[in-house]
N, C-alpha and C. Protein backbone atom coordinates (compact mmCIF):
# COMPACT_ATOMS: atom_id res chain seq x y z
N MET A 1 -47.46 -42.48 16.82
CA MET A 1 -46.84 -41.30 16.25
C MET A 1 -47.92 -40.45 15.58
N LYS A 2 -47.93 -39.19 15.87
CA LYS A 2 -48.89 -38.27 15.26
C LYS A 2 -48.45 -37.98 13.82
N ASN A 3 -49.42 -37.84 12.93
CA ASN A 3 -49.17 -37.51 11.52
C ASN A 3 -48.36 -38.59 10.79
N TYR A 4 -48.71 -39.84 11.06
CA TYR A 4 -48.15 -41.00 10.38
C TYR A 4 -49.29 -41.65 9.61
N PHE A 5 -49.10 -41.84 8.31
CA PHE A 5 -50.14 -42.42 7.46
C PHE A 5 -49.55 -43.61 6.73
N ARG A 6 -50.32 -44.70 6.69
CA ARG A 6 -49.80 -45.92 6.08
C ARG A 6 -50.90 -46.63 5.31
N TYR A 7 -50.51 -47.21 4.18
CA TYR A 7 -51.36 -48.11 3.43
C TYR A 7 -50.45 -49.20 2.88
N ALA A 8 -50.67 -50.43 3.31
CA ALA A 8 -49.83 -51.56 2.92
C ALA A 8 -48.37 -51.24 3.23
N ASP A 9 -47.51 -51.17 2.22
CA ASP A 9 -46.09 -50.90 2.48
C ASP A 9 -45.71 -49.45 2.17
N ASP A 10 -46.68 -48.59 1.94
CA ASP A 10 -46.42 -47.17 1.72
C ASP A 10 -46.76 -46.39 2.99
N PHE A 11 -45.92 -45.44 3.34
CA PHE A 11 -46.23 -44.63 4.51
C PHE A 11 -45.65 -43.23 4.37
N VAL A 12 -46.23 -42.32 5.14
CA VAL A 12 -45.82 -40.92 5.16
C VAL A 12 -45.76 -40.48 6.62
N VAL A 13 -44.74 -39.71 6.95
CA VAL A 13 -44.63 -39.09 8.27
C VAL A 13 -44.54 -37.58 8.02
N ILE A 14 -45.40 -36.83 8.68
CA ILE A 14 -45.41 -35.38 8.51
C ILE A 14 -44.97 -34.72 9.81
N HIS A 15 -44.00 -33.84 9.70
CA HIS A 15 -43.52 -33.09 10.87
C HIS A 15 -42.81 -31.83 10.37
N PRO A 16 -42.92 -30.73 11.10
CA PRO A 16 -42.32 -29.47 10.62
C PRO A 16 -40.78 -29.42 10.71
N GLU A 17 -40.17 -30.30 11.50
CA GLU A 17 -38.72 -30.23 11.69
C GLU A 17 -37.99 -31.34 10.93
N THR A 18 -37.08 -30.94 10.05
CA THR A 18 -36.31 -31.89 9.26
C THR A 18 -35.47 -32.80 10.13
N ASP A 19 -34.88 -32.26 11.19
CA ASP A 19 -34.04 -33.08 12.08
C ASP A 19 -34.85 -34.23 12.69
N TYR A 20 -36.07 -33.93 13.08
CA TYR A 20 -36.94 -34.96 13.64
C TYR A 20 -37.22 -36.04 12.60
N LEU A 21 -37.52 -35.62 11.38
CA LEU A 21 -37.80 -36.57 10.32
C LEU A 21 -36.59 -37.45 10.02
N MET A 22 -35.41 -36.87 10.06
CA MET A 22 -34.19 -37.67 9.82
C MET A 22 -34.00 -38.70 10.94
N LYS A 23 -34.30 -38.31 12.18
CA LYS A 23 -34.20 -39.24 13.31
C LYS A 23 -35.21 -40.38 13.15
N VAL A 24 -36.44 -40.05 12.79
CA VAL A 24 -37.47 -41.07 12.57
C VAL A 24 -37.06 -41.99 11.42
N LEU A 25 -36.52 -41.42 10.36
CA LEU A 25 -36.09 -42.21 9.21
C LEU A 25 -35.03 -43.22 9.62
N ARG A 26 -34.07 -42.79 10.42
CA ARG A 26 -33.02 -43.72 10.90
C ARG A 26 -33.63 -44.85 11.74
N CYS A 27 -34.57 -44.50 12.60
CA CYS A 27 -35.23 -45.52 13.44
C CYS A 27 -36.02 -46.51 12.58
N ILE A 28 -36.75 -46.01 11.62
CA ILE A 28 -37.53 -46.89 10.73
C ILE A 28 -36.60 -47.80 9.94
N ASP A 29 -35.55 -47.22 9.39
CA ASP A 29 -34.59 -47.99 8.60
C ASP A 29 -33.96 -49.10 9.45
N GLU A 30 -33.57 -48.75 10.65
CA GLU A 30 -32.95 -49.73 11.57
C GLU A 30 -33.94 -50.85 11.91
N PHE A 31 -35.17 -50.48 12.24
CA PHE A 31 -36.20 -51.47 12.58
C PHE A 31 -36.44 -52.42 11.40
N LEU A 32 -36.62 -51.85 10.21
CA LEU A 32 -36.89 -52.69 9.04
C LEU A 32 -35.76 -53.67 8.77
N LYS A 33 -34.53 -53.21 8.91
CA LYS A 33 -33.38 -54.09 8.65
C LYS A 33 -33.26 -55.19 9.70
N LYS A 34 -33.34 -54.81 10.99
CA LYS A 34 -33.14 -55.79 12.06
C LYS A 34 -34.32 -56.73 12.23
N GLU A 35 -35.52 -56.18 12.31
CA GLU A 35 -36.69 -56.97 12.67
C GLU A 35 -37.39 -57.63 11.48
N MET A 36 -37.35 -56.98 10.34
CA MET A 36 -38.13 -57.47 9.21
C MET A 36 -37.27 -57.96 8.05
N LYS A 37 -35.96 -57.72 8.13
CA LYS A 37 -35.03 -58.08 7.04
C LYS A 37 -35.44 -57.40 5.73
N LEU A 38 -35.86 -56.13 5.84
CA LEU A 38 -36.29 -55.32 4.69
C LEU A 38 -35.46 -54.04 4.63
N GLU A 39 -35.49 -53.42 3.47
CA GLU A 39 -34.79 -52.14 3.30
C GLU A 39 -35.71 -51.13 2.64
N LEU A 40 -35.54 -49.88 3.01
CA LEU A 40 -36.26 -48.81 2.34
C LEU A 40 -35.67 -48.64 0.94
N HIS A 41 -36.52 -48.38 -0.02
CA HIS A 41 -36.04 -48.14 -1.38
C HIS A 41 -35.39 -46.76 -1.41
N PRO A 42 -34.09 -46.68 -1.75
CA PRO A 42 -33.39 -45.38 -1.68
C PRO A 42 -33.98 -44.29 -2.57
N ASP A 43 -34.60 -44.67 -3.68
CA ASP A 43 -35.18 -43.66 -4.58
C ASP A 43 -36.57 -43.21 -4.16
N LYS A 44 -37.13 -43.86 -3.14
CA LYS A 44 -38.50 -43.55 -2.75
C LYS A 44 -38.62 -42.89 -1.39
N VAL A 45 -37.50 -42.58 -0.77
CA VAL A 45 -37.50 -41.87 0.51
C VAL A 45 -37.26 -40.39 0.19
N ILE A 46 -38.24 -39.58 0.55
CA ILE A 46 -38.17 -38.15 0.21
C ILE A 46 -38.55 -37.34 1.43
N ILE A 47 -37.74 -36.35 1.74
CA ILE A 47 -38.08 -35.37 2.77
C ILE A 47 -38.23 -34.05 2.05
N ARG A 48 -39.43 -33.49 2.18
CA ARG A 48 -39.72 -32.23 1.48
C ARG A 48 -40.69 -31.41 2.29
N LYS A 49 -40.85 -30.18 1.90
CA LYS A 49 -41.79 -29.29 2.55
C LYS A 49 -43.22 -29.69 2.18
N PHE A 50 -44.11 -29.63 3.15
CA PHE A 50 -45.50 -30.04 2.93
C PHE A 50 -46.16 -29.20 1.85
N ARG A 51 -45.81 -27.94 1.77
CA ARG A 51 -46.43 -27.06 0.76
C ARG A 51 -46.08 -27.49 -0.67
N GLN A 52 -45.04 -28.32 -0.84
CA GLN A 52 -44.67 -28.83 -2.16
C GLN A 52 -45.55 -30.02 -2.57
N GLY A 53 -46.28 -30.55 -1.62
CA GLY A 53 -47.17 -31.66 -1.90
C GLY A 53 -46.51 -32.99 -1.60
N ILE A 54 -47.34 -33.93 -1.16
CA ILE A 54 -46.87 -35.27 -0.87
C ILE A 54 -47.51 -36.22 -1.87
N ASP A 55 -46.69 -36.89 -2.64
CA ASP A 55 -47.15 -37.86 -3.63
C ASP A 55 -47.41 -39.17 -2.89
N PHE A 56 -48.70 -39.55 -2.76
CA PHE A 56 -49.05 -40.72 -1.96
C PHE A 56 -50.28 -41.41 -2.53
N LEU A 57 -50.13 -42.67 -2.91
CA LEU A 57 -51.23 -43.52 -3.36
C LEU A 57 -52.00 -42.97 -4.55
N GLY A 58 -51.30 -42.36 -5.49
CA GLY A 58 -51.95 -41.87 -6.70
C GLY A 58 -52.49 -40.45 -6.60
N TYR A 59 -52.27 -39.83 -5.46
CA TYR A 59 -52.72 -38.46 -5.23
C TYR A 59 -51.52 -37.59 -4.85
N VAL A 60 -51.70 -36.29 -4.97
CA VAL A 60 -50.74 -35.34 -4.44
C VAL A 60 -51.47 -34.57 -3.35
N VAL A 61 -51.04 -34.77 -2.11
CA VAL A 61 -51.68 -34.15 -0.95
C VAL A 61 -50.98 -32.83 -0.68
N LEU A 62 -51.75 -31.75 -0.73
CA LEU A 62 -51.25 -30.40 -0.48
C LEU A 62 -51.91 -29.86 0.78
N PRO A 63 -51.42 -28.76 1.33
CA PRO A 63 -51.97 -28.26 2.60
C PRO A 63 -53.49 -28.06 2.61
N HIS A 64 -54.07 -27.58 1.53
CA HIS A 64 -55.49 -27.25 1.57
C HIS A 64 -56.36 -28.06 0.61
N TYR A 65 -55.76 -28.97 -0.13
CA TYR A 65 -56.54 -29.83 -1.02
C TYR A 65 -55.69 -31.01 -1.49
N THR A 66 -56.37 -31.97 -2.09
CA THR A 66 -55.71 -33.16 -2.64
C THR A 66 -56.04 -33.25 -4.12
N ALA A 67 -55.02 -33.47 -4.93
CA ALA A 67 -55.20 -33.57 -6.38
C ALA A 67 -54.82 -34.97 -6.84
N LEU A 68 -55.41 -35.38 -7.94
CA LEU A 68 -55.05 -36.66 -8.54
C LEU A 68 -53.69 -36.50 -9.22
N ARG A 69 -52.79 -37.46 -9.01
CA ARG A 69 -51.48 -37.42 -9.65
C ARG A 69 -51.68 -37.46 -11.17
N THR A 70 -50.91 -36.68 -11.91
CA THR A 70 -51.03 -36.59 -13.37
C THR A 70 -50.91 -37.95 -14.03
N LYS A 71 -49.95 -38.75 -13.59
CA LYS A 71 -49.75 -40.09 -14.16
C LYS A 71 -51.00 -40.96 -13.92
N THR A 72 -51.60 -40.83 -12.75
CA THR A 72 -52.82 -41.58 -12.43
C THR A 72 -53.96 -41.15 -13.34
N LYS A 73 -54.06 -39.85 -13.57
CA LYS A 73 -55.12 -39.31 -14.43
C LYS A 73 -54.96 -39.84 -15.85
N ARG A 74 -53.74 -39.82 -16.38
CA ARG A 74 -53.49 -40.32 -17.73
C ARG A 74 -53.82 -41.80 -17.85
N ARG A 75 -53.40 -42.57 -16.84
CA ARG A 75 -53.66 -44.01 -16.84
C ARG A 75 -55.16 -44.28 -16.78
N MET A 76 -55.87 -43.51 -15.99
CA MET A 76 -57.32 -43.66 -15.85
C MET A 76 -58.03 -43.39 -17.18
N LEU A 77 -57.66 -42.31 -17.84
CA LEU A 77 -58.29 -41.97 -19.11
C LEU A 77 -57.99 -43.01 -20.19
N LYS A 78 -56.75 -43.49 -20.22
CA LYS A 78 -56.36 -44.51 -21.19
C LYS A 78 -57.14 -45.80 -20.97
N LYS A 79 -57.26 -46.21 -19.72
CA LYS A 79 -57.98 -47.44 -19.40
C LYS A 79 -59.47 -47.30 -19.71
N LEU A 80 -60.05 -46.14 -19.39
CA LEU A 80 -61.47 -45.94 -19.68
C LEU A 80 -61.74 -45.93 -21.19
N LYS A 81 -60.83 -45.34 -21.94
CA LYS A 81 -60.98 -45.32 -23.40
C LYS A 81 -60.96 -46.75 -23.94
N SER A 82 -60.05 -47.55 -23.43
CA SER A 82 -59.94 -48.95 -23.86
C SER A 82 -61.19 -49.73 -23.47
N ARG A 83 -61.66 -49.56 -22.23
CA ARG A 83 -62.86 -50.27 -21.77
C ARG A 83 -64.10 -49.84 -22.56
N TYR A 84 -64.16 -48.54 -22.90
CA TYR A 84 -65.30 -48.03 -23.66
C TYR A 84 -65.33 -48.68 -25.05
N LYS A 85 -64.16 -48.77 -25.69
CA LYS A 85 -64.08 -49.41 -27.00
C LYS A 85 -64.46 -50.89 -26.92
N GLU A 86 -64.03 -51.56 -25.85
CA GLU A 86 -64.39 -52.97 -25.64
C GLU A 86 -65.91 -53.11 -25.54
N MET A 87 -66.54 -52.19 -24.80
CA MET A 87 -67.99 -52.24 -24.65
C MET A 87 -68.68 -51.99 -25.99
N GLU A 88 -68.17 -51.02 -26.76
CA GLU A 88 -68.79 -50.71 -28.05
C GLU A 88 -68.76 -51.90 -29.00
N ARG A 89 -67.69 -52.69 -28.95
CA ARG A 89 -67.60 -53.83 -29.86
C ARG A 89 -68.14 -55.13 -29.23
N GLY A 90 -68.67 -55.04 -28.02
CA GLY A 90 -69.33 -56.18 -27.39
C GLY A 90 -68.42 -57.10 -26.60
N ALA A 91 -67.15 -56.74 -26.44
CA ALA A 91 -66.21 -57.57 -25.69
C ALA A 91 -66.39 -57.42 -24.18
N THR A 92 -67.02 -56.34 -23.75
CA THR A 92 -67.31 -56.09 -22.34
C THR A 92 -68.78 -55.69 -22.23
N SER A 93 -69.43 -56.19 -21.21
CA SER A 93 -70.84 -55.85 -21.03
C SER A 93 -70.98 -54.41 -20.54
N PRO A 94 -72.10 -53.77 -20.86
CA PRO A 94 -72.34 -52.42 -20.34
C PRO A 94 -72.29 -52.38 -18.81
N LYS A 95 -72.76 -53.43 -18.17
CA LYS A 95 -72.74 -53.47 -16.70
C LYS A 95 -71.30 -53.47 -16.18
N SER A 96 -70.45 -54.28 -16.78
CA SER A 96 -69.04 -54.34 -16.38
C SER A 96 -68.36 -53.00 -16.61
N TYR A 97 -68.65 -52.38 -17.76
CA TYR A 97 -68.08 -51.07 -18.06
C TYR A 97 -68.55 -50.04 -17.02
N GLU A 98 -69.83 -50.05 -16.70
CA GLU A 98 -70.39 -49.11 -15.73
C GLU A 98 -69.75 -49.29 -14.35
N GLN A 99 -69.45 -50.53 -13.99
CA GLN A 99 -68.77 -50.79 -12.71
C GLN A 99 -67.37 -50.18 -12.70
N SER A 100 -66.66 -50.30 -13.82
CA SER A 100 -65.32 -49.69 -13.92
C SER A 100 -65.43 -48.17 -13.81
N LEU A 101 -66.39 -47.61 -14.50
CA LEU A 101 -66.61 -46.17 -14.49
C LEU A 101 -66.89 -45.68 -13.06
N GLN A 102 -67.77 -46.38 -12.36
CA GLN A 102 -68.11 -45.99 -10.99
C GLN A 102 -66.91 -46.14 -10.05
N SER A 103 -66.07 -47.13 -10.32
CA SER A 103 -64.86 -47.30 -9.53
C SER A 103 -63.94 -46.09 -9.67
N TYR A 104 -63.77 -45.62 -10.90
CA TYR A 104 -62.94 -44.43 -11.13
C TYR A 104 -63.58 -43.19 -10.50
N PHE A 105 -64.89 -43.08 -10.58
CA PHE A 105 -65.56 -41.95 -9.92
C PHE A 105 -65.34 -42.00 -8.41
N GLY A 106 -65.27 -43.21 -7.86
CA GLY A 106 -64.97 -43.36 -6.43
C GLY A 106 -63.59 -42.83 -6.08
N ILE A 107 -62.62 -43.12 -6.94
CA ILE A 107 -61.26 -42.60 -6.73
C ILE A 107 -61.28 -41.08 -6.71
N LEU A 108 -62.07 -40.48 -7.58
CA LEU A 108 -62.11 -39.02 -7.69
C LEU A 108 -62.80 -38.35 -6.49
N LYS A 109 -63.55 -39.09 -5.72
CA LYS A 109 -64.20 -38.51 -4.54
C LYS A 109 -63.20 -38.14 -3.45
N HIS A 110 -61.99 -38.68 -3.53
CA HIS A 110 -60.98 -38.44 -2.50
C HIS A 110 -60.06 -37.26 -2.84
N CYS A 111 -60.40 -36.53 -3.89
CA CYS A 111 -59.55 -35.42 -4.30
C CYS A 111 -60.39 -34.34 -4.98
N GLU A 112 -59.73 -33.29 -5.40
CA GLU A 112 -60.39 -32.24 -6.19
C GLU A 112 -60.47 -32.76 -7.62
N GLY A 113 -61.46 -33.61 -7.89
CA GLY A 113 -61.53 -34.28 -9.18
C GLY A 113 -62.73 -33.90 -10.01
N ARG A 114 -63.35 -32.76 -9.71
CA ARG A 114 -64.56 -32.35 -10.42
C ARG A 114 -64.33 -32.18 -11.92
N LYS A 115 -63.23 -31.54 -12.29
CA LYS A 115 -62.96 -31.30 -13.72
C LYS A 115 -62.73 -32.61 -14.47
N ILE A 116 -61.95 -33.49 -13.90
CA ILE A 116 -61.67 -34.76 -14.58
C ILE A 116 -62.94 -35.62 -14.62
N LYS A 117 -63.77 -35.55 -13.57
CA LYS A 117 -65.03 -36.30 -13.60
C LYS A 117 -65.93 -35.78 -14.71
N ASN A 118 -66.00 -34.47 -14.87
CA ASN A 118 -66.81 -33.90 -15.96
C ASN A 118 -66.27 -34.32 -17.32
N LYS A 119 -64.94 -34.34 -17.46
CA LYS A 119 -64.33 -34.76 -18.72
C LYS A 119 -64.66 -36.22 -19.01
N ILE A 120 -64.53 -37.08 -17.99
CA ILE A 120 -64.85 -38.49 -18.17
C ILE A 120 -66.32 -38.66 -18.54
N SER A 121 -67.19 -37.92 -17.86
CA SER A 121 -68.63 -38.01 -18.14
C SER A 121 -68.93 -37.63 -19.58
N SER A 122 -68.29 -36.56 -20.05
CA SER A 122 -68.57 -36.12 -21.42
C SER A 122 -67.99 -37.06 -22.48
N LEU A 123 -66.90 -37.74 -22.15
CA LEU A 123 -66.26 -38.63 -23.12
C LEU A 123 -66.76 -40.06 -23.08
N PHE A 124 -67.01 -40.57 -21.88
CA PHE A 124 -67.19 -42.01 -21.72
C PHE A 124 -68.51 -42.46 -21.10
N CYS A 125 -69.39 -41.56 -20.77
CA CYS A 125 -70.68 -41.98 -20.21
C CYS A 125 -71.69 -42.17 -21.33
N ALA A 126 -72.32 -43.32 -21.35
CA ALA A 126 -73.26 -43.67 -22.42
C ALA A 126 -74.39 -42.66 -22.54
N GLU A 127 -74.94 -42.19 -21.38
CA GLU A 127 -76.07 -41.26 -21.47
C GLU A 127 -75.67 -39.90 -22.05
N SER A 128 -74.39 -39.52 -21.91
CA SER A 128 -73.97 -38.23 -22.47
C SER A 128 -73.73 -38.32 -23.97
N ARG A 129 -73.66 -39.55 -24.52
CA ARG A 129 -73.42 -39.73 -25.95
C ARG A 129 -74.71 -39.93 -26.74
N ASP A 130 -75.82 -40.12 -26.05
CA ASP A 130 -77.10 -40.37 -26.74
C ASP A 130 -77.68 -39.10 -27.33
């Protein structure tokens, strides 16, 4: 199927026609029930216009760019603040903290994350605090 994206148990199907998407949804639902003994979560099945953005794997995918989901951004900043405090009091090694930081920077490479990366750098990077 063209324009089908999947990661683990999350997937997205993109098509311009709602009728087509409804037909695909029925087929997927039927397959999951009969073959896998699974059900789609009723609150997580959404058919919407692509220009409204697709919330997928912590990002919001829009026609011309991808943004980090707000909830993901908040969680990232909260976790980095906690890890930074752990490092300051010696509960986490600087190397371990740096690995976490680089992991978050890796997440930001998949979206328009320049502003949040700059914010993280100014708040949580050791060299910017010296």
